[in-house]
Amino acid sequence: MSTNLFPATAYLLVYHGSRDPRPGQAAERLAQLVREQLNSPHGTTVSSSPPLPGTPLSPFERLPAAMYGSGLAAASQPRRAMADPILVGTACLETGALPLHQQIVKFGRRAAAAGATAIRIVPIFLLRGVHVLRDLPAEMQMAQRSLPDLALSLTPSLGDHPGLRHLAQERLQTTTAEAWLLLAHGSRRPEGNRAIQTLAQSLGGAVAYWAVPPHLETQIIHLIQQGVQRLAILPYFLFTGTTTDAITQRTEELAERFPGLGIHLLPPLGPSPALAQLVADLALGQGAVAPAQPAVSLKRMARRSLLQPSSMVS
């Protein structure tokens, strides 16, 4: 059965942006993987699944294959089959050569020339913070004025997909550590960190933040005092960049300071087929996502009350 939910639709992945070229290169690679997913008549999708028994579970247990349903380990029903390749592009919210709304307009005109009548914008952000809730809709609204013949809509953000928990779980299974830390950028607004705390707790780990307390060093000292000798650190960042470089340097310094502690620093999420599956799910409106952020239509958005901003983790 076909899942061609959005015929004549192009897809634009919007990420935060950086002066470091590596995140942009990684975003392009992710878009390529998403394009391959969407253009495959037998794409795979990560569907929602019930919590595993005994939550919080040990992050080092092997997940049963049945947990994924039609997800990471198995092909699902065909997504869609079109004569022409599906158009998937990227744009950045900050540090781009053009403001985001102009990037959307440029992509929209290219998509319209290829026969598209709609564009679904997928926020590649880990939290629904101020960028996703306020900045991105505002930029999209400005772009819509220049694209009256195209219907623009905003999907839930990447961080809303429950499959991120599965990706973190799989990453942790590669270690032999007895404890682990989820290291995120962090927000000065406590509510901005709740999703991070929930994710870590659901996997039986603890949280450290790069920008706000509790910092990495504080949490490491706390774990050493508890008798931990092998620690895994999972950076909750999408792509390698200047921040992850600084994290690597800081981790090396802490390893020298605490030689009795074995530290395994895992890579950030990075572009991968599994991550592309989650993005493709959001693009096609598939997979369970947080109900607090349904896909946003610009026509409905004009009638909505002002969103309260929260912080962003990128």
C-alpha atoms as a PDB file:
ATOM      1  CA  MET A   1       0.000   0.000   0.000  1.00  0.00           C
ATOM      2  CA  SER A   2       1.371   3.386  -0.959  1.00  0.00           C
ATOM      3  CA  THR A   3       1.932   6.080   1.649  1.00  0.00           C
ATOM      4  CA  ASN A   4       1.944   8.928  -0.855  1.00  0.00           C
ATOM      5  CA  LEU A   5       0.479  11.398   1.626  1.00  0.00           C
ATOM      6  CA  PHE A   6       1.845  14.576   0.057  1.00  0.00           C
ATOM      7  CA  PRO A   7       1.957  14.368  -3.751  1.00  0.00           C
ATOM      8  CA  ALA A   8       3.725  17.198  -5.586  1.00  0.00           C
ATOM      9  CA  THR A   9       5.499  18.170  -2.377  1.00  0.00           C
ATOM     10  CA  ALA A  10       9.121  19.179  -1.847  1.00  0.00           C
ATOM     11  CA  TYR A  11      10.884  19.005   1.506  1.00  0.00           C
ATOM     12  CA  LEU A  12      13.250  21.494   3.132  1.00  0.00           C
ATOM     13  CA  LEU A  13      15.376  20.538   6.134  1.00  0.00           C
ATOM     14  CA  VAL A  14      16.188  23.570   8.291  1.00  0.00           C
ATOM     15  CA  TYR A  15      19.081  23.351  10.743  1.00  0.00           C
ATOM     16  CA  HIS A  16      20.601  25.920  13.088  1.00  0.00           C
ATOM     17  CA  GLY A  17      23.654  26.912  11.067  1.00  0.00           C
ATOM     18  CA  SER A  18      27.285  27.554  11.976  1.00  0.00           C
ATOM     19  CA  ARG A  19      30.327  29.393  10.675  1.00  0.00           C
ATOM     20  CA  ASP A  20      32.100  26.046  10.896  1.00  0.00           C
ATOM     21  CA  PRO A  21      31.527  24.360   7.508  1.00  0.00           C
ATOM     22  CA  ARG A  22      31.153  20.863   8.967  1.00  0.00           C
ATOM     23  CA  PRO A  23      27.542  21.135  10.197  1.00  0.00           C
ATOM     24  CA  GLY A  24      26.468  22.383   6.783  1.00  0.00           C
ATOM     25  CA  GLN A  25      28.238  19.500   5.095  1.00  0.00           C
ATOM     26  CA  ALA A  26      26.614  17.062   7.511  1.00  0.00           C
ATOM     27  CA  ALA A  27      23.188  18.597   6.854  1.00  0.00           C
ATOM     28  CA  GLU A  28      23.693  18.116   3.115  1.00  0.00           C
ATOM     29  CA  ARG A  29      24.632  14.492   3.726  1.00  0.00           C
ATOM     30  CA  LEU A  30      21.525  14.020   5.864  1.00  0.00           C
ATOM     31  CA  ALA A  31      19.383  15.555   3.120  1.00  0.00           C
ATOM     32  CA  GLN A  32      20.901  13.138   0.627  1.00  0.00           C
ATOM     33  CA  LEU A  33      20.008  10.202   2.875  1.00  0.00           C
ATOM     34  CA  VAL A  34      16.472  11.529   3.361  1.00  0.00           C
ATOM     35  CA  ARG A  35      16.152  11.958  -0.397  1.00  0.00           C
ATOM     36  CA  GLU A  36      17.133   8.332  -0.866  1.00  0.00           C
ATOM     37  CA  GLN A  37      14.562   7.292   1.734  1.00  0.00           C
ATOM     38  CA  LEU A  38      11.749   9.293   0.152  1.00  0.00           C
ATOM     39  CA  ASN A  39      12.557   8.243  -3.392  1.00  0.00           C
ATOM     40  CA  SER A  40      12.700   4.563  -2.458  1.00  0.00           C
ATOM     41  CA  PRO A  41       9.401   2.743  -3.072  1.00  0.00           C
ATOM     42  CA  HIS A  42      10.196   0.647   0.003  1.00  0.00           C
ATOM     43  CA  GLY A  43      11.478   3.238   2.483  1.00  0.00           C
ATOM     44  CA  THR A  44      11.671   2.360   6.140  1.00  0.00           C
ATOM     45  CA  THR A  45      10.118   4.232   9.002  1.00  0.00           C
ATOM     46  CA  VAL A  46      10.498   4.247  12.742  1.00  0.00           C
ATOM     47  CA  SER A  47       7.116   3.874  14.370  1.00  0.00           C
ATOM     48  CA  SER A  48       6.212   4.503  17.957  1.00  0.00           C
ATOM     49  CA  SER A  49       6.417   1.655  20.424  1.00  0.00           C
ATOM     50  CA  PRO A  50       5.319   1.135  24.017  1.00  0.00           C
ATOM     51  CA  PRO A  51       7.866   1.658  26.794  1.00  0.00           C
ATOM     52  CA  LEU A  52       9.999  -1.330  27.565  1.00  0.00           C
ATOM     53  CA  PRO A  53       9.272  -3.166  30.816  1.00  0.00           C
ATOM     54  CA  GLY A  54      11.292  -1.998  33.776  1.00  0.00           C
ATOM     55  CA  THR A  55      11.833   1.616  32.690  1.00  0.00           C
ATOM     56  CA  PRO A  56      14.311   3.149  33.321  1.00  0.00           C
ATOM     57  CA  LEU A  57      16.152   0.335  31.615  1.00  0.00           C
ATOM     58  CA  SER A  58      19.852  -0.315  31.484  1.00  0.00           C
ATOM     59  CA  PRO A  59      21.300   1.469  28.448  1.00  0.00           C
ATOM     60  CA  PHE A  60      23.552  -1.490  27.776  1.00  0.00           C
ATOM     61  CA  GLU A  61      20.836  -4.132  27.320  1.00  0.00           C
ATOM     62  CA  ARG A  62      20.224  -5.312  23.775  1.00  0.00           C
ATOM     63  CA  LEU A  63      16.873  -4.081  22.509  1.00  0.00           C
ATOM     64  CA  PRO A  64      14.503  -6.781  21.243  1.00  0.00           C
ATOM     65  CA  ALA A  65      13.854  -6.562  17.519  1.00  0.00           C
ATOM     66  CA  ALA A  66      10.111  -6.521  18.155  1.00  0.00           C
ATOM     67  CA  MET A  67      10.459  -3.134  19.847  1.00  0.00           C
ATOM     68  CA  TYR A  68      10.943  -1.414  16.543  1.00  0.00           C
ATOM     69  CA  GLY A  69       7.803  -2.732  14.890  1.00  0.00           C
ATOM     70  CA  SER A  70       8.152  -1.460  11.335  1.00  0.00           C
ATOM     71  CA  GLY A  71      11.165   0.543  12.409  1.00  0.00           C
ATOM     72  CA  LEU A  72      14.937   0.516  12.293  1.00  0.00           C
ATOM     73  CA  ALA A  73      15.446  -3.167  11.636  1.00  0.00           C
ATOM     74  CA  ALA A  74      12.736  -3.885   9.090  1.00  0.00           C
ATOM     75  CA  ALA A  75      11.304  -2.448   5.917  1.00  0.00           C
ATOM     76  CA  SER A  76       7.843  -0.962   6.176  1.00  0.00           C
ATOM     77  CA  GLN A  77       5.152  -0.618   3.602  1.00  0.00           C
ATOM     78  CA  PRO A  78       6.120   1.374   0.514  1.00  0.00           C
ATOM     79  CA  ARG A  79       6.282   5.094   1.174  1.00  0.00           C
ATOM     80  CA  ARG A  80       5.451   6.500  -2.236  1.00  0.00           C
ATOM     81  CA  ALA A  81       6.352   5.977  -5.851  1.00  0.00           C
ATOM     82  CA  MET A  82       6.660   8.952  -8.220  1.00  0.00           C
ATOM     83  CA  ALA A  83       7.930   9.249 -11.749  1.00  0.00           C
ATOM     84  CA  ASP A  84      10.109  12.248 -10.854  1.00  0.00           C
ATOM     85  CA  PRO A  85      12.601  12.276  -7.965  1.00  0.00           C
ATOM     86  CA  ILE A  86      11.392  13.971  -4.798  1.00  0.00           C
ATOM     87  CA  LEU A  87      13.141  17.263  -4.114  1.00  0.00           C
ATOM     88  CA  VAL A  88      14.844  17.581  -0.708  1.00  0.00           C
ATOM     89  CA  GLY A  89      16.907  20.642   0.208  1.00  0.00           C
ATOM     90  CA  THR A  90      18.562  22.293   3.198  1.00  0.00           C
ATOM     91  CA  ALA A  91      18.544  25.771   4.712  1.00  0.00           C
ATOM     92  CA  CYS A  92      20.014  27.262   7.879  1.00  0.00           C
ATOM     93  CA  LEU A  93      18.378  29.571  10.375  1.00  0.00           C
ATOM     94  CA  GLU A  94      21.540  31.495  11.252  1.00  0.00           C
ATOM     95  CA  THR A  95      24.904  32.377   9.646  1.00  0.00           C
ATOM     96  CA  GLY A  96      23.645  31.713   6.127  1.00  0.00           C
ATOM     97  CA  ALA A  97      24.593  33.804   3.107  1.00  0.00           C
ATOM     98  CA  LEU A  98      20.885  34.710   2.886  1.00  0.00           C
ATOM     99  CA  PRO A  99      18.261  35.121   5.628  1.00  0.00           C
ATOM    100  CA  LEU A 100      16.207  31.979   6.095  1.00  0.00           C
ATOM    101  CA  HIS A 101      13.069  33.354   4.453  1.00  0.00           C
ATOM    102  CA  GLN A 102      15.070  34.154   1.323  1.00  0.00           C
ATOM    103  CA  GLN A 103      16.534  30.649   1.343  1.00  0.00           C
ATOM    104  CA  ILE A 104      12.986  29.264   1.535  1.00  0.00           C
ATOM    105  CA  VAL A 105      11.897  31.470  -1.370  1.00  0.00           C
ATOM    106  CA  LYS A 106      14.872  30.352  -3.457  1.00  0.00           C
ATOM    107  CA  PHE A 107      14.135  26.693  -2.764  1.00  0.00           C
ATOM    108  CA  GLY A 108      10.415  27.243  -3.315  1.00  0.00           C
ATOM    109  CA  ARG A 109      10.923  28.696  -6.784  1.00  0.00           C
ATOM    110  CA  ARG A 110      13.157  25.784  -7.675  1.00  0.00           C
ATOM    111  CA  ALA A 111      10.539  23.357  -6.348  1.00  0.00           C
ATOM    112  CA  ALA A 112       7.724  25.089  -8.226  1.00  0.00           C
ATOM    113  CA  ALA A 113       9.714  24.882 -11.451  1.00  0.00           C
ATOM    114  CA  ALA A 114       9.976  21.137 -10.829  1.00  0.00           C
ATOM    115  CA  GLY A 115       6.200  20.847 -10.447  1.00  0.00           C
ATOM    116  CA  ALA A 116       5.778  21.062  -6.676  1.00  0.00           C
ATOM    117  CA  THR A 117       2.699  22.756  -5.254  1.00  0.00           C
ATOM    118  CA  ALA A 118       3.679  22.493  -1.588  1.00  0.00           C
ATOM    119  CA  ILE A 119       6.743  22.556   0.645  1.00  0.00           C
ATOM    120  CA  ARG A 120       6.967  20.848   4.005  1.00  0.00           C
ATOM    121  CA  ILE A 121       9.663  22.354   6.214  1.00  0.00           C
ATOM    122  CA  VAL A 122      11.265  19.968   8.713  1.00  0.00           C
ATOM    123  CA  PRO A 123      13.095  21.614  11.657  1.00  0.00           C
ATOM    124  CA  ILE A 124      16.297  19.668  12.345  1.00  0.00           C
ATOM    125  CA  PHE A 125      16.413  20.750  15.984  1.00  0.00           C
ATOM    126  CA  LEU A 126      16.589  18.566  19.070  1.00  0.00           C
ATOM    127  CA  LEU A 127      14.264  20.705  21.190  1.00  0.00           C
ATOM    128  CA  ARG A 128      11.213  22.814  20.417  1.00  0.00           C
ATOM    129  CA  GLY A 129      12.761  26.002  21.680  1.00  0.00           C
ATOM    130  CA  VAL A 130      12.514  29.612  20.641  1.00  0.00           C
ATOM    131  CA  HIS A 131      13.952  28.926  17.190  1.00  0.00           C
ATOM    132  CA  VAL A 132      11.347  26.280  16.360  1.00  0.00           C
ATOM    133  CA  LEU A 133       8.396  27.928  18.085  1.00  0.00           C
ATOM    134  CA  ARG A 134       8.981  31.548  17.078  1.00  0.00           C
ATOM    135  CA  ASP A 135      11.858  32.241  14.686  1.00  0.00           C
ATOM    136  CA  LEU A 136      11.213  29.535  12.130  1.00  0.00           C
ATOM    137  CA  PRO A 137       7.445  30.183  11.793  1.00  0.00           C
ATOM    138  CA  ALA A 138       8.149  33.904  11.392  1.00  0.00           C
ATOM    139  CA  GLU A 139      10.682  33.277   8.621  1.00  0.00           C
ATOM    140  CA  MET A 140       8.279  30.887   6.926  1.00  0.00           C
ATOM    141  CA  GLN A 141       5.501  33.451   7.061  1.00  0.00           C
ATOM    142  CA  MET A 142       7.717  36.024   5.356  1.00  0.00           C
ATOM    143  CA  ALA A 143       8.625  33.491   2.675  1.00  0.00           C
ATOM    144  CA  GLN A 144       4.969  32.656   2.058  1.00  0.00           C
ATOM    145  CA  ARG A 145       4.295  36.228   0.938  1.00  0.00           C
ATOM    146  CA  SER A 146       6.731  35.724  -1.932  1.00  0.00           C
ATOM    147  CA  LEU A 147       5.382  32.261  -2.765  1.00  0.00           C
ATOM    148  CA  PRO A 148       1.598  32.732  -3.054  1.00  0.00           C
ATOM    149  CA  ASP A 149       1.182  29.677  -5.278  1.00  0.00           C
ATOM    150  CA  LEU A 150       2.980  27.304  -2.899  1.00  0.00           C
ATOM    151  CA  ALA A 151       1.535  25.930   0.333  1.00  0.00           C
ATOM    152  CA  LEU A 152       4.171  26.050   3.077  1.00  0.00           C
ATOM    153  CA  SER A 153       3.790  23.972   6.227  1.00  0.00           C
ATOM    154  CA  LEU A 154       5.963  23.208   9.225  1.00  0.00           C
ATOM    155  CA  THR A 155       6.322  19.691  10.603  1.00  0.00           C
ATOM    156  CA  PRO A 156       7.176  18.779  14.194  1.00  0.00           C
ATOM    157  CA  SER A 157      10.853  19.146  15.012  1.00  0.00           C
ATOM    158  CA  LEU A 158      13.294  16.249  14.923  1.00  0.00           C
ATOM    159  CA  GLY A 159      13.494  16.180  18.706  1.00  0.00           C
ATOM    160  CA  ASP A 160       9.805  15.259  18.869  1.00  0.00           C
ATOM    161  CA  HIS A 161      10.382  11.896  17.219  1.00  0.00           C
ATOM    162  CA  PRO A 162      10.490   9.070  19.796  1.00  0.00           C
ATOM    163  CA  GLY A 163      12.977   7.242  17.600  1.00  0.00           C
ATOM    164  CA  LEU A 164      15.735   9.497  18.963  1.00  0.00           C
ATOM    165  CA  ARG A 165      15.539   7.501  22.160  1.00  0.00           C
ATOM    166  CA  HIS A 166      16.190   4.321  20.187  1.00  0.00           C
ATOM    167  CA  LEU A 167      19.189   5.913  18.477  1.00  0.00           C
ATOM    168  CA  ALA A 168      20.650   6.930  21.822  1.00  0.00           C
ATOM    169  CA  GLN A 169      20.015   3.425  23.139  1.00  0.00           C
ATOM    170  CA  GLU A 170      21.829   1.825  20.210  1.00  0.00           C
ATOM    171  CA  ARG A 171      24.777   4.191  20.581  1.00  0.00           C
ATOM    172  CA  LEU A 172      25.155   3.294  24.244  1.00  0.00           C
ATOM    173  CA  GLN A 173      25.125  -0.415  23.466  1.00  0.00           C
ATOM    174  CA  THR A 174      28.527   0.003  21.826  1.00  0.00           C
ATOM    175  CA  THR A 175      30.149   0.736  25.186  1.00  0.00           C
ATOM    176  CA  THR A 176      31.055  -1.390  28.208  1.00  0.00           C
ATOM    177  CA  ALA A 177      30.622   1.476  30.647  1.00  0.00           C
ATOM    178  CA  GLU A 178      28.799   1.025  33.927  1.00  0.00           C
ATOM    179  CA  ALA A 179      27.310   4.530  33.881  1.00  0.00           C
ATOM    180  CA  TRP A 180      26.687   7.197  31.279  1.00  0.00           C
ATOM    181  CA  LEU A 181      26.042  10.910  30.875  1.00  0.00           C
ATOM    182  CA  LEU A 182      23.907  12.660  28.298  1.00  0.00           C
ATOM    183  CA  LEU A 183      25.803  15.877  27.538  1.00  0.00           C
ATOM    184  CA  ALA A 184      23.598  18.586  26.027  1.00  0.00           C
ATOM    185  CA  HIS A 185      24.112  22.277  25.360  1.00  0.00           C
ATOM    186  CA  GLY A 186      21.664  23.270  28.066  1.00  0.00           C
ATOM    187  CA  SER A 187      19.341  26.212  28.626  1.00  0.00           C
ATOM    188  CA  ARG A 188      19.133  28.930  31.263  1.00  0.00           C
ATOM    189  CA  ARG A 189      15.381  28.302  31.274  1.00  0.00           C
ATOM    190  CA  PRO A 190      14.765  25.187  33.396  1.00  0.00           C
ATOM    191  CA  GLU A 191      11.788  24.128  31.285  1.00  0.00           C
ATOM    192  CA  GLY A 192      14.088  24.052  28.282  1.00  0.00           C
ATOM    193  CA  ASN A 193      16.049  21.177  29.825  1.00  0.00           C
ATOM    194  CA  ARG A 194      13.145  18.958  30.841  1.00  0.00           C
ATOM    195  CA  ALA A 195      13.102  16.929  27.643  1.00  0.00           C
ATOM    196  CA  ILE A 196      16.821  16.227  28.045  1.00  0.00           C
ATOM    197  CA  GLN A 197      16.345  15.110  31.631  1.00  0.00           C
ATOM    198  CA  THR A 198      13.425  12.896  30.657  1.00  0.00           C
ATOM    199  CA  LEU A 199      15.418  11.248  27.881  1.00  0.00           C
ATOM    200  CA  ALA A 200      18.387  10.520  30.134  1.00  0.00           C
ATOM    201  CA  GLN A 201      16.224   9.201  32.955  1.00  0.00           C
ATOM    202  CA  SER A 202      14.267   6.947  30.603  1.00  0.00           C
ATOM    203  CA  LEU A 203      17.547   5.273  29.655  1.00  0.00           C
ATOM    204  CA  GLY A 204      18.912   5.103  33.188  1.00  0.00           C
ATOM    205  CA  GLY A 205      21.546   7.816  32.758  1.00  0.00           C
ATOM    206  CA  ALA A 206      22.364  11.253  34.130  1.00  0.00           C
ATOM    207  CA  VAL A 207      22.608  14.677  32.485  1.00  0.00           C
ATOM    208  CA  ALA A 208      25.397  17.224  32.165  1.00  0.00           C
ATOM    209  CA  TYR A 209      25.250  20.518  30.289  1.00  0.00           C
ATOM    210  CA  TRP A 210      27.860  22.407  28.358  1.00  0.00           C
ATOM    211  CA  ALA A 211      26.512  25.919  28.926  1.00  0.00           C
ATOM    212  CA  VAL A 212      24.754  25.719  32.307  1.00  0.00           C
ATOM    213  CA  PRO A 213      25.076  23.674  35.535  1.00  0.00           C
ATOM    214  CA  PRO A 214      25.434  20.861  36.268  1.00  0.00           C
ATOM    215  CA  HIS A 215      28.585  20.866  34.153  1.00  0.00           C
ATOM    216  CA  LEU A 216      30.479  17.842  32.931  1.00  0.00           C
ATOM    217  CA  GLU A 217      33.195  18.055  35.589  1.00  0.00           C
ATOM    218  CA  THR A 218      30.653  18.268  38.414  1.00  0.00           C
ATOM    219  CA  GLN A 219      28.786  15.197  37.237  1.00  0.00           C
ATOM    220  CA  ILE A 220      31.990  13.222  36.691  1.00  0.00           C
ATOM    221  CA  ILE A 221      33.163  13.958  40.232  1.00  0.00           C
ATOM    222  CA  HIS A 222      29.762  12.891  41.543  1.00  0.00           C
ATOM    223  CA  LEU A 223      29.948   9.576  39.664  1.00  0.00           C
ATOM    224  CA  ILE A 224      33.509   8.924  40.854  1.00  0.00           C
ATOM    225  CA  GLN A 225      32.313   9.425  44.423  1.00  0.00           C
ATOM    226  CA  GLN A 226      29.685   6.772  43.737  1.00  0.00           C
ATOM    227  CA  GLY A 227      32.396   4.329  42.710  1.00  0.00           C
ATOM    228  CA  VAL A 228      31.990   4.474  38.929  1.00  0.00           C
ATOM    229  CA  GLN A 229      35.133   3.369  37.069  1.00  0.00           C
ATOM    230  CA  ARG A 230      33.902   3.239  33.455  1.00  0.00           C
ATOM    231  CA  LEU A 231      31.875   6.126  32.069  1.00  0.00           C
ATOM    232  CA  ALA A 232      30.321   6.751  28.664  1.00  0.00           C
ATOM    233  CA  ILE A 233      29.473  10.283  27.523  1.00  0.00           C
ATOM    234  CA  LEU A 234      26.911  10.770  24.757  1.00  0.00           C
ATOM    235  CA  PRO A 235      26.951  14.313  23.281  1.00  0.00           C
ATOM    236  CA  TYR A 236      23.361  15.271  22.460  1.00  0.00           C
ATOM    237  CA  PHE A 237      24.331  17.290  19.407  1.00  0.00           C
ATOM    238  CA  LEU A 238      23.360  16.687  15.814  1.00  0.00           C
ATOM    239  CA  PHE A 239      26.636  17.300  14.031  1.00  0.00           C
ATOM    240  CA  THR A 240      30.349  17.608  14.678  1.00  0.00           C
ATOM    241  CA  GLY A 241      31.474  21.230  15.002  1.00  0.00           C
ATOM    242  CA  THR A 242      33.274  23.718  17.204  1.00  0.00           C
ATOM    243  CA  THR A 243      31.275  22.789  20.305  1.00  0.00           C
ATOM    244  CA  THR A 244      31.921  19.065  19.959  1.00  0.00           C
ATOM    245  CA  ASP A 245      35.615  19.849  19.379  1.00  0.00           C
ATOM    246  CA  ALA A 246      35.647  21.728  22.675  1.00  0.00           C
ATOM    247  CA  ILE A 247      33.866  18.823  24.363  1.00  0.00           C
ATOM    248  CA  THR A 248      36.541  16.430  23.113  1.00  0.00           C
ATOM    249  CA  GLN A 249      39.298  18.667  24.456  1.00  0.00           C
ATOM    250  CA  ARG A 250      37.582  19.064  27.818  1.00  0.00           C
ATOM    251  CA  THR A 251      37.002  15.318  28.103  1.00  0.00           C
ATOM    252  CA  GLU A 252      40.690  14.650  27.446  1.00  0.00           C
ATOM    253  CA  GLU A 253      41.612  17.110  30.198  1.00  0.00           C
ATOM    254  CA  LEU A 254      39.248  15.409  32.632  1.00  0.00           C
ATOM    255  CA  ALA A 255      40.603  11.975  31.712  1.00  0.00           C
ATOM    256  CA  GLU A 256      44.100  13.174  32.628  1.00  0.00           C
ATOM    257  CA  ARG A 257      42.825  14.679  35.858  1.00  0.00           C
ATOM    258  CA  PHE A 258      40.985  11.490  36.853  1.00  0.00           C
ATOM    259  CA  PRO A 259      43.202   8.638  35.594  1.00  0.00           C
ATOM    260  CA  GLY A 260      41.264   6.056  37.593  1.00  0.00           C
ATOM    261  CA  LEU A 261      38.160   6.684  35.503  1.00  0.00           C
ATOM    262  CA  GLY A 262      37.856   5.203  32.043  1.00  0.00           C
ATOM    263  CA  ILE A 263      35.935   7.647  29.834  1.00  0.00           C
ATOM    264  CA  HIS A 264      34.416   6.685  26.499  1.00  0.00           C
ATOM    265  CA  LEU A 265      33.310   9.786  24.569  1.00  0.00           C
ATOM    266  CA  LEU A 266      30.809   8.796  21.899  1.00  0.00           C
ATOM    267  CA  PRO A 267      30.345  10.815  18.694  1.00  0.00           C
ATOM    268  CA  PRO A 268      27.339  13.116  18.198  1.00  0.00           C
ATOM    269  CA  LEU A 269      24.308  11.772  16.367  1.00  0.00           C
ATOM    270  CA  GLY A 270      25.589  12.731  12.912  1.00  0.00           C
ATOM    271  CA  PRO A 271      23.993  11.996   9.524  1.00  0.00           C
ATOM    272  CA  SER A 272      23.086   8.324   9.246  1.00  0.00           C
ATOM    273  CA  PRO A 273      20.426   6.184   7.545  1.00  0.00           C
ATOM    274  CA  ALA A 274      18.733   5.707  10.920  1.00  0.00           C
ATOM    275  CA  LEU A 275      18.534   9.465  11.563  1.00  0.00           C
ATOM    276  CA  ALA A 276      17.353  10.000   7.990  1.00  0.00           C
ATOM    277  CA  GLN A 277      14.515   7.566   8.651  1.00  0.00           C
ATOM    278  CA  LEU A 278      13.296   9.760  11.487  1.00  0.00           C
ATOM    279  CA  VAL A 279      13.461  12.885   9.326  1.00  0.00           C
ATOM    280  CA  ALA A 280      11.618  11.112   6.510  1.00  0.00           C
ATOM    281  CA  ASP A 281       8.940  10.058   8.997  1.00  0.00           C
ATOM    282  CA  LEU A 282       8.390  13.682   9.979  1.00  0.00           C
ATOM    283  CA  ALA A 283       8.428  14.831   6.366  1.00  0.00           C
ATOM    284  CA  LEU A 284       5.659  12.384   5.475  1.00  0.00           C
ATOM    285  CA  GLY A 285       3.657  12.878   8.650  1.00  0.00           C
ATOM    286  CA  GLN A 286       4.400   9.334   9.791  1.00  0.00           C
ATOM    287  CA  GLY A 287       5.531   8.039  13.173  1.00  0.00           C
ATOM    288  CA  ALA A 288       4.246   9.188  16.526  1.00  0.00           C
ATOM    289  CA  VAL A 289       5.484  12.585  17.620  1.00  0.00           C
ATOM    290  CA  ALA A 290       4.840  14.792  20.621  1.00  0.00           C
ATOM    291  CA  PRO A 291       1.209  15.982  20.396  1.00  0.00           C
ATOM    292  CA  ALA A 292       2.143  19.471  21.603  1.00  0.00           C
ATOM    293  CA  GLN A 293       3.441  20.470  18.178  1.00  0.00           C
ATOM    294  CA  PRO A 294       1.299  19.342  15.235  1.00  0.00           C
ATOM    295  CA  ALA A 295       2.219  20.353  11.728  1.00  0.00           C
ATOM    296  CA  VAL A 296       1.666  24.106  11.407  1.00  0.00           C
ATOM    297  CA  SER A 297      -0.097  25.659   8.443  1.00  0.00           C
ATOM    298  CA  LEU A 298       0.540  29.329   7.769  1.00  0.00           C
ATOM    299  CA  LYS A 299      -3.171  29.948   7.280  1.00  0.00           C
ATOM    300  CA  ARG A 300      -3.876  28.574  10.759  1.00  0.00           C
ATOM    301  CA  MET A 301      -0.814  30.211  12.258  1.00  0.00           C
ATOM    302  CA  ALA A 302      -2.178  33.692  11.558  1.00  0.00           C
ATOM    303  CA  ARG A 303      -5.066  32.936  13.910  1.00  0.00           C
ATOM    304  CA  ARG A 304      -2.972  31.422  16.680  1.00  0.00           C
ATOM    305  CA  SER A 305      -2.011  33.268  19.827  1.00  0.00           C
ATOM    306  CA  LEU A 306       1.607  34.259  20.345  1.00  0.00           C
ATOM    307  CA  LEU A 307       3.817  31.311  21.261  1.00  0.00           C
ATOM    308  CA  GLN A 308       5.794  31.493  24.476  1.00  0.00           C
ATOM    309  CA  PRO A 309       9.491  31.041  23.634  1.00  0.00           C
ATOM    310  CA  SER A 310      11.695  28.466  25.302  1.00  0.00           C
ATOM    311  CA  SER A 311      15.308  27.608  24.756  1.00  0.00           C
ATOM    312  CA  MET A 312      16.952  25.595  22.011  1.00  0.00           C
ATOM    313  CA  VAL A 313      19.459  22.801  22.067  1.00  0.00           C
ATOM    314  CA  SER A 314      21.197  22.348  18.754  1.00  0.00           C
END
